[in-house]
Amino acid sequence: MDDEQFDPGAWTERLFRDHERRHAYAGQTGEAFRAWQAEFRPALRSVLGHDVIAEADPPPLAPKRTDSATFDRYVRERWTIRPERGFRLPFYLLVPDDSDPPYPVVLVAHGHGDAGKELAVGRAETDEQRRQIADEERDIAVQAVERGYAAIAPDMRAMGELSNPADVERGYRTCHTMQLHAQLFGRSLVGDRVWDVTRLIDFAEGREDLDDARIGLTGHSGGGAVALFAAAVDERVDVVAPSSYFCTFEDSIAAIDHCECNYLPGVLGLGEMWDVAGLVAPRPFVAVAGREDEIFPVEGVHHSFERLVDIYEAAGAIDRCELVVGDGGHRYYAGGVWPFVDEHL
């Protein structure tokens, strides 16, 4: 390539080729493997912006229940907590009514969309949302509670109750402005969403009716990103099942246009997506993907999973790492998630 002629694609390819990934897995085993994870995990927390949030002295959670509704097989409660100063995080807690506590817990990270947590609990206001529930199995929290789990379903920042109508009026997605503003302070939307999940785990630990020794985490698409990163940095997560996200940064996030909230500044200075997932080992991990997913290509999924298998072999936990590829596109694959979660949780 002529150095005088700028080619954005070639420039990005060069960055992938030449950029050092400081915590890339390099075949460590035994004590060296554990040392790799111990050094990588705080570095990832820092890139997520959690050091910045922690410096602001997060307040007590101060949980508040604001609503309750009873359904055929479960009770759905609306709660809020204070994950950091300045706002309260709304979420639903669904608990089964046909079994005794303490209940194993599944935290649900919804995918990209204005409905936020409402879709996760099966509440649809539009024909498109009803289609997403019927065809894409997006009512994840209902699926969890009907299997006997307590389900915690928060709004992801910039969506649901945490969106900004003024952004929509200006023609922006709330993700756009919140991501840019977060970056000014060394933070990011995915990092903030992961922080919220860690605080919800704090909430679960504070309740006698929730079994904090059995905590699962699943999510769709951008929620799959939250599930993956949260399990990587928070060892209290016992099993994780991202759907329609696990791939490589090179084949998906860098190669295909995504919402701004999918971009984590500095992450490739640490490692590729399989390295991040390697921080979950030896805890159970299942990657669920669609064979025809156009934004998380299955070729990248297979490549990333092959590298992740090496890490799980080093951890002595190859039987706890699975890949399920469904026949379809970008959607939630309940059939790939729940058998694995049931087995390990």
Protein backbone atom coordinates (compact mmCIF):
# COMPACT_ATOMS: atom_id res chain seq x y z
CA MET A 1 0.00 0.00 0.00
CA ASP A 2 1.24 3.50 -0.84
CA ASP A 3 2.03 5.26 2.46
CA GLU A 4 0.67 8.50 0.97
CA GLN A 5 -2.77 7.00 0.35
CA PHE A 6 -4.84 6.35 3.45
CA ASP A 7 -6.88 3.15 3.44
CA PRO A 8 -9.07 2.87 6.57
CA GLY A 9 -9.56 -0.87 6.14
CA ALA A 10 -5.84 -1.55 5.79
CA TRP A 11 -5.15 0.73 8.76
CA THR A 12 -7.51 -1.32 10.96
CA GLU A 13 -5.99 -4.58 9.72
CA ARG A 14 -2.54 -3.27 10.64
CA LEU A 15 -3.73 -2.40 14.14
CA PHE A 16 -4.97 -5.95 14.64
CA ARG A 17 -1.74 -7.37 13.27
CA ASP A 18 0.72 -5.14 15.13
CA HIS A 19 -1.05 -4.17 18.35
CA GLU A 20 0.20 -5.92 21.48
CA ARG A 21 -2.48 -7.60 23.59
CA ARG A 22 -0.86 -7.48 26.99
CA HIS A 23 -2.95 -10.19 28.62
CA ALA A 24 -3.48 -12.55 25.69
CA TYR A 25 -3.51 -16.15 26.83
CA ALA A 26 -0.16 -17.75 25.98
CA GLY A 27 -0.53 -21.37 27.07
CA GLN A 28 -0.09 -20.96 30.82
CA THR A 29 -1.07 -23.83 33.12
CA GLY A 30 -1.18 -24.46 36.84
CA GLU A 31 -0.05 -21.56 39.00
CA ALA A 32 0.94 -19.56 35.92
CA PHE A 33 -2.63 -19.89 34.62
CA ARG A 34 -4.07 -18.57 37.87
CA ALA A 35 -1.52 -15.75 37.85
CA TRP A 36 -2.59 -14.84 34.30
CA GLN A 37 -6.20 -14.51 35.41
CA ALA A 38 -5.24 -12.62 38.57
CA GLU A 39 -3.32 -10.02 36.53
CA PHE A 40 -5.83 -9.78 33.69
CA ARG A 41 -9.01 -9.38 35.76
CA PRO A 42 -8.15 -6.03 37.47
CA ALA A 43 -6.82 -4.71 34.16
CA LEU A 44 -10.17 -5.49 32.56
CA ARG A 45 -12.04 -3.84 35.43
CA SER A 46 -9.95 -0.74 34.85
CA VAL A 47 -10.72 -0.66 31.11
CA LEU A 48 -14.42 -1.09 31.95
CA GLY A 49 -14.11 2.08 34.05
CA HIS A 50 -14.88 0.43 37.38
CA ASP A 51 -11.91 2.04 39.10
CA VAL A 52 -13.34 5.43 38.15
CA ILE A 53 -16.78 4.53 39.52
CA ALA A 54 -15.32 3.07 42.71
CA GLU A 55 -13.30 6.23 43.35
CA ALA A 56 -16.59 8.13 43.66
CA ASP A 57 -17.46 6.07 46.77
CA PRO A 58 -20.64 4.24 45.67
CA PRO A 59 -23.50 4.65 48.15
CA PRO A 60 -25.42 1.92 49.98
CA LEU A 61 -27.84 0.08 47.69
CA ALA A 62 -30.93 1.24 49.62
CA PRO A 63 -33.27 -1.16 47.79
CA LYS A 64 -36.90 -0.11 47.39
CA ARG A 65 -39.83 -2.18 46.17
CA THR A 66 -42.23 -0.03 44.18
CA ASP A 67 -44.73 -2.49 42.70
CA SER A 68 -45.86 -6.11 42.80
CA ALA A 69 -48.02 -8.29 40.56
CA THR A 70 -49.03 -11.95 40.86
CA PHE A 71 -49.16 -14.28 37.88
CA ASP A 72 -50.07 -17.91 37.39
CA ARG A 73 -46.69 -19.35 38.45
CA TYR A 74 -44.71 -16.45 39.82
CA VAL A 75 -44.70 -13.05 41.46
CA ARG A 76 -43.14 -10.06 39.67
CA GLU A 77 -41.86 -7.17 41.76
CA ARG A 78 -40.40 -3.88 40.59
CA TRP A 79 -37.42 -2.64 42.61
CA THR A 80 -34.78 0.05 42.46
CA ILE A 81 -31.29 0.26 43.94
CA ARG A 82 -28.57 2.92 43.94
CA PRO A 83 -25.62 1.48 41.99
CA GLU A 84 -23.78 4.80 42.16
CA ARG A 85 -24.52 8.36 43.22
CA GLY A 86 -27.08 10.29 41.23
CA PHE A 87 -29.65 7.74 40.10
CA ARG A 88 -31.58 4.62 40.94
CA LEU A 89 -31.49 1.51 38.78
CA PRO A 90 -34.93 -0.01 38.06
CA PHE A 91 -35.26 -3.76 37.77
CA TYR A 92 -37.76 -6.57 38.06
CA LEU A 93 -37.43 -9.45 40.51
CA LEU A 94 -39.45 -12.51 39.52
CA VAL A 95 -39.79 -15.32 42.07
CA PRO A 96 -41.55 -18.66 41.58
CA ASP A 97 -44.59 -19.39 43.73
CA ASP A 98 -44.49 -23.19 43.44
CA SER A 99 -41.24 -23.90 45.28
CA ASP A 100 -39.56 -22.93 48.53
CA PRO A 101 -36.71 -20.45 48.92
CA PRO A 102 -33.86 -19.89 48.73
CA TYR A 103 -34.10 -19.79 44.94
CA PRO A 104 -31.16 -20.06 42.57
CA VAL A 105 -30.78 -16.75 40.74
CA VAL A 106 -30.48 -15.86 37.05
CA LEU A 107 -29.64 -12.28 36.13
CA VAL A 108 -31.00 -11.35 32.72
CA ALA A 109 -29.39 -8.70 30.49
CA HIS A 110 -31.84 -7.71 27.75
CA GLY A 111 -30.75 -6.90 24.23
CA HIS A 112 -30.73 -3.59 22.40
CA GLY A 113 -34.14 -1.94 22.17
CA ASP A 114 -36.37 0.77 23.57
CA ALA A 115 -38.48 -1.69 25.60
CA GLY A 116 -35.57 -2.60 27.87
CA LYS A 117 -36.46 -4.88 30.76
CA GLU A 118 -40.16 -4.88 29.82
CA LEU A 119 -39.46 -7.25 26.94
CA ALA A 120 -37.47 -9.53 29.25
CA VAL A 121 -40.53 -9.95 31.49
CA GLY A 122 -42.89 -10.49 28.56
CA ARG A 123 -44.52 -7.07 28.48
CA ALA A 124 -45.09 -5.97 24.88
CA GLU A 125 -46.70 -2.75 23.68
CA THR A 126 -46.16 -3.04 19.92
CA ASP A 127 -46.57 -5.70 17.26
CA GLU A 128 -42.79 -5.76 16.81
CA GLN A 129 -42.23 -6.41 20.51
CA ARG A 130 -44.82 -9.20 20.45
CA ARG A 131 -43.00 -10.69 17.46
CA GLN A 132 -39.66 -10.51 19.31
CA ILE A 133 -41.16 -12.46 22.20
CA ALA A 134 -42.88 -15.03 19.99
CA ASP A 135 -40.17 -15.51 17.34
CA GLU A 136 -36.95 -14.50 19.12
CA GLU A 137 -37.68 -15.77 22.65
CA ARG A 138 -36.83 -12.42 24.20
CA ASP A 139 -38.94 -12.90 27.36
CA ILE A 140 -35.88 -14.32 29.08
CA ALA A 141 -36.83 -13.53 32.68
CA VAL A 142 -40.16 -15.35 32.29
CA GLN A 143 -38.33 -18.37 30.89
CA ALA A 144 -36.05 -18.34 33.94
CA VAL A 145 -38.75 -18.05 36.59
CA GLU A 146 -40.87 -20.74 34.94
CA ARG A 147 -37.87 -23.08 35.33
CA GLY A 148 -37.72 -22.39 39.07
CA TYR A 149 -35.15 -19.61 39.16
CA ALA A 150 -35.54 -16.19 40.70
CA ALA A 151 -34.95 -13.81 37.80
CA ILE A 152 -33.47 -10.32 38.09
CA ALA A 153 -34.06 -8.20 34.99
CA PRO A 154 -32.70 -4.63 35.04
CA ASP A 155 -32.85 -1.91 32.44
CA MET A 156 -29.53 -1.55 30.66
CA ARG A 157 -28.35 2.05 30.78
CA ALA A 158 -29.58 4.11 27.80
CA MET A 159 -32.57 1.81 27.31
CA GLY A 160 -36.00 1.36 28.86
CA GLU A 161 -36.51 3.74 31.77
CA LEU A 162 -32.85 4.78 31.51
CA SER A 163 -33.14 6.25 28.02
CA ASN A 164 -33.33 9.96 27.29
CA PRO A 165 -36.35 11.08 25.21
CA ALA A 166 -34.54 14.31 24.35
CA ASP A 167 -31.94 12.29 22.43
CA VAL A 168 -34.65 10.63 20.37
CA GLU A 169 -36.17 14.02 19.55
CA ARG A 170 -32.76 15.16 18.26
CA GLY A 171 -32.42 12.03 16.15
CA TYR A 172 -29.83 10.31 18.35
CA ARG A 173 -29.88 7.02 20.18
CA THR A 174 -29.37 7.55 23.90
CA CYS A 175 -26.52 5.06 23.61
CA HIS A 176 -24.72 7.54 21.37
CA THR A 177 -24.64 10.44 23.81
CA MET A 178 -24.16 8.36 26.95
CA GLN A 179 -21.25 6.45 25.43
CA LEU A 180 -19.49 9.63 24.32
CA HIS A 181 -20.05 11.32 27.67
CA ALA A 182 -18.87 8.25 29.58
CA GLN A 183 -15.66 8.14 27.55
CA LEU A 184 -14.82 11.68 28.64
CA PHE A 185 -14.47 10.30 32.16
CA GLY A 186 -12.66 7.05 31.37
CA ARG A 187 -15.88 5.04 31.39
CA SER A 188 -18.10 3.29 28.83
CA LEU A 189 -21.70 2.15 28.54
CA VAL A 190 -20.83 -1.54 28.60
CA GLY A 191 -18.69 -0.92 31.67
CA ASP A 192 -21.49 0.95 33.41
CA ARG A 193 -23.95 -1.82 32.60
CA VAL A 194 -21.56 -4.42 33.97
CA TRP A 195 -21.15 -2.34 37.13
CA ASP A 196 -24.94 -2.39 37.57
CA VAL A 197 -24.93 -6.19 37.31
CA THR A 198 -22.27 -6.47 40.01
CA ARG A 199 -24.40 -4.27 42.27
CA LEU A 200 -27.43 -6.46 41.60
CA ILE A 201 -25.36 -9.43 42.75
CA ASP A 202 -24.76 -7.44 45.95
CA PHE A 203 -28.54 -7.09 46.19
CA ALA A 204 -29.02 -10.85 45.77
CA GLU A 205 -26.43 -11.55 48.46
CA GLY A 206 -28.41 -9.44 50.90
CA ARG A 207 -31.62 -11.50 50.61
CA GLU A 208 -32.28 -14.74 52.47
CA ASP A 209 -34.76 -15.93 49.82
CA LEU A 210 -32.10 -15.83 47.06
CA ASP A 211 -29.33 -18.42 46.92
CA ASP A 212 -26.15 -16.43 46.31
CA ALA A 213 -24.20 -19.69 45.96
CA ARG A 214 -26.06 -20.37 42.69
CA ILE A 215 -26.00 -17.34 40.43
CA GLY A 216 -26.36 -17.54 36.66
CA LEU A 217 -26.09 -14.80 34.08
CA THR A 218 -27.49 -14.73 30.56
CA GLY A 219 -28.13 -12.06 27.97
CA HIS A 220 -28.99 -11.45 24.36
CA SER A 221 -26.77 -9.51 21.92
CA GLY A 222 -25.58 -6.38 23.77
CA GLY A 223 -26.92 -8.07 26.88
CA GLY A 224 -24.68 -10.99 25.98
CA ALA A 225 -21.75 -8.57 26.10
CA VAL A 226 -22.80 -7.49 29.58
CA ALA A 227 -23.14 -11.13 30.66
CA LEU A 228 -19.69 -12.03 29.32
CA PHE A 229 -17.82 -9.08 30.82
CA ALA A 230 -19.65 -9.31 34.15
CA ALA A 231 -18.81 -13.00 34.54
CA ALA A 232 -15.21 -12.26 33.58
CA VAL A 233 -14.70 -9.67 36.33
CA ASP A 234 -17.06 -10.98 39.03
CA GLU A 235 -16.27 -14.48 40.25
CA ARG A 236 -19.57 -14.67 42.12
CA VAL A 237 -21.23 -15.58 38.81
CA ASP A 238 -21.41 -19.38 38.76
CA VAL A 239 -22.50 -19.98 35.16
CA VAL A 240 -22.76 -17.66 32.16
CA ALA A 241 -24.65 -18.06 28.89
CA PRO A 242 -24.30 -15.21 26.36
CA SER A 243 -26.53 -15.58 23.31
CA SER A 244 -25.80 -13.96 19.95
CA TYR A 245 -22.70 -12.08 21.09
CA PHE A 246 -19.66 -14.31 21.63
CA CYS A 247 -17.45 -14.01 18.54
CA THR A 248 -14.21 -12.08 18.01
CA PHE A 249 -13.79 -8.33 18.18
CA GLU A 250 -12.01 -8.53 14.84
CA ASP A 251 -14.75 -10.42 12.98
CA SER A 252 -17.69 -8.54 14.46
CA ILE A 253 -17.23 -5.36 16.48
CA ALA A 254 -14.47 -3.99 14.23
CA ALA A 255 -15.74 -5.41 10.94
CA ILE A 256 -19.47 -4.67 11.15
CA ASP A 257 -21.27 -1.50 12.16
CA HIS A 258 -22.71 -1.77 15.67
CA CYS A 259 -24.31 0.62 18.13
CA GLU A 260 -21.77 2.71 19.99
CA CYS A 261 -22.50 0.82 23.21
CA ASN A 262 -20.72 -2.25 21.84
CA TYR A 263 -17.33 -0.51 21.82
CA LEU A 264 -15.09 -0.75 24.87
CA PRO A 265 -12.10 1.62 24.51
CA GLY A 266 -8.81 -0.14 25.15
CA VAL A 267 -10.07 -3.70 25.36
CA LEU A 268 -7.89 -4.95 22.49
CA GLY A 269 -4.86 -3.68 24.36
CA LEU A 270 -5.66 -6.46 26.83
CA GLY A 271 -6.91 -9.39 24.76
CA GLU A 272 -9.38 -10.80 22.24
CA MET A 273 -12.85 -11.97 23.17
CA TRP A 274 -11.70 -15.52 23.89
CA ASP A 275 -9.20 -14.12 26.40
CA VAL A 276 -12.01 -12.24 28.17
CA ALA A 277 -14.10 -15.42 28.25
CA GLY A 278 -11.06 -17.26 29.60
CA LEU A 279 -11.42 -15.29 32.81
CA VAL A 280 -14.62 -17.27 33.45
CA ALA A 281 -12.73 -20.59 33.53
CA PRO A 282 -13.13 -23.02 35.26
CA ARG A 283 -16.73 -21.85 35.82
CA PRO A 284 -19.30 -23.17 33.31
CA PHE A 285 -19.59 -21.17 30.06
CA VAL A 286 -21.81 -21.74 27.05
CA ALA A 287 -21.69 -19.61 23.92
CA VAL A 288 -24.94 -19.70 21.94
CA ALA A 289 -24.98 -18.38 18.38
CA GLY A 290 -27.06 -18.28 15.23
CA ARG A 291 -25.76 -19.93 12.09
CA GLU A 292 -27.08 -17.03 10.00
CA ASP A 293 -26.31 -14.18 12.40
CA GLU A 294 -25.14 -11.36 10.13
CA ILE A 295 -23.60 -9.17 12.83
CA PHE A 296 -21.81 -11.86 14.84
CA PRO A 297 -20.61 -14.16 12.04
CA VAL A 298 -20.53 -17.83 12.92
CA GLU A 299 -17.04 -18.23 11.44
CA GLY A 300 -15.73 -15.81 14.05
CA VAL A 301 -17.72 -17.63 16.73
CA HIS A 302 -16.05 -20.94 15.87
CA HIS A 303 -12.59 -19.36 15.73
CA SER A 304 -13.04 -17.71 19.12
CA PHE A 305 -14.46 -20.86 20.68
CA GLU A 306 -11.54 -22.97 19.43
CA ARG A 307 -9.16 -20.63 21.25
CA LEU A 308 -11.35 -20.65 24.36
CA VAL A 309 -11.26 -24.46 24.46
CA ASP A 310 -7.49 -24.27 24.90
CA ILE A 311 -7.98 -22.05 27.95
CA TYR A 312 -10.58 -24.37 29.49
CA GLU A 313 -8.29 -27.35 28.90
CA ALA A 314 -5.56 -25.52 30.80
CA ALA A 315 -8.05 -24.91 33.62
CA GLY A 316 -8.96 -28.61 33.72
CA ALA A 317 -12.58 -27.79 32.92
CA ILE A 318 -13.11 -28.73 29.29
CA ASP A 319 -16.45 -30.36 30.24
CA ARG A 320 -17.73 -26.95 31.41
CA CYS A 321 -17.27 -25.14 28.11
CA GLU A 322 -19.76 -25.57 25.27
CA LEU A 323 -20.82 -23.99 21.99
CA VAL A 324 -24.38 -24.30 20.69
CA VAL A 325 -25.17 -23.05 17.18
CA GLY A 326 -28.84 -22.68 16.33
CA ASP A 327 -30.46 -22.61 12.91
CA GLY A 328 -31.37 -18.96 12.59
CA GLY A 329 -30.16 -15.41 12.76
CA HIS A 330 -29.63 -12.82 15.46
CA ARG A 331 -31.98 -13.85 18.28
CA TYR A 332 -32.07 -15.44 21.73
CA TYR A 333 -31.74 -19.23 21.67
CA ALA A 334 -33.47 -20.55 24.76
CA GLY A 335 -32.86 -24.15 23.72
CA GLY A 336 -29.13 -23.55 23.78
CA VAL A 337 -29.10 -21.71 27.10
CA TRP A 338 -31.37 -23.42 29.60
CA PRO A 339 -30.26 -27.08 29.41
CA PHE A 340 -26.71 -25.92 30.13
CA VAL A 341 -27.76 -23.59 32.94
CA ASP A 342 -29.98 -26.28 34.48
CA GLU A 343 -27.11 -28.78 34.41
CA HIS A 344 -24.62 -26.50 36.12
CA LEU A 345 -26.77 -24.30 38.36
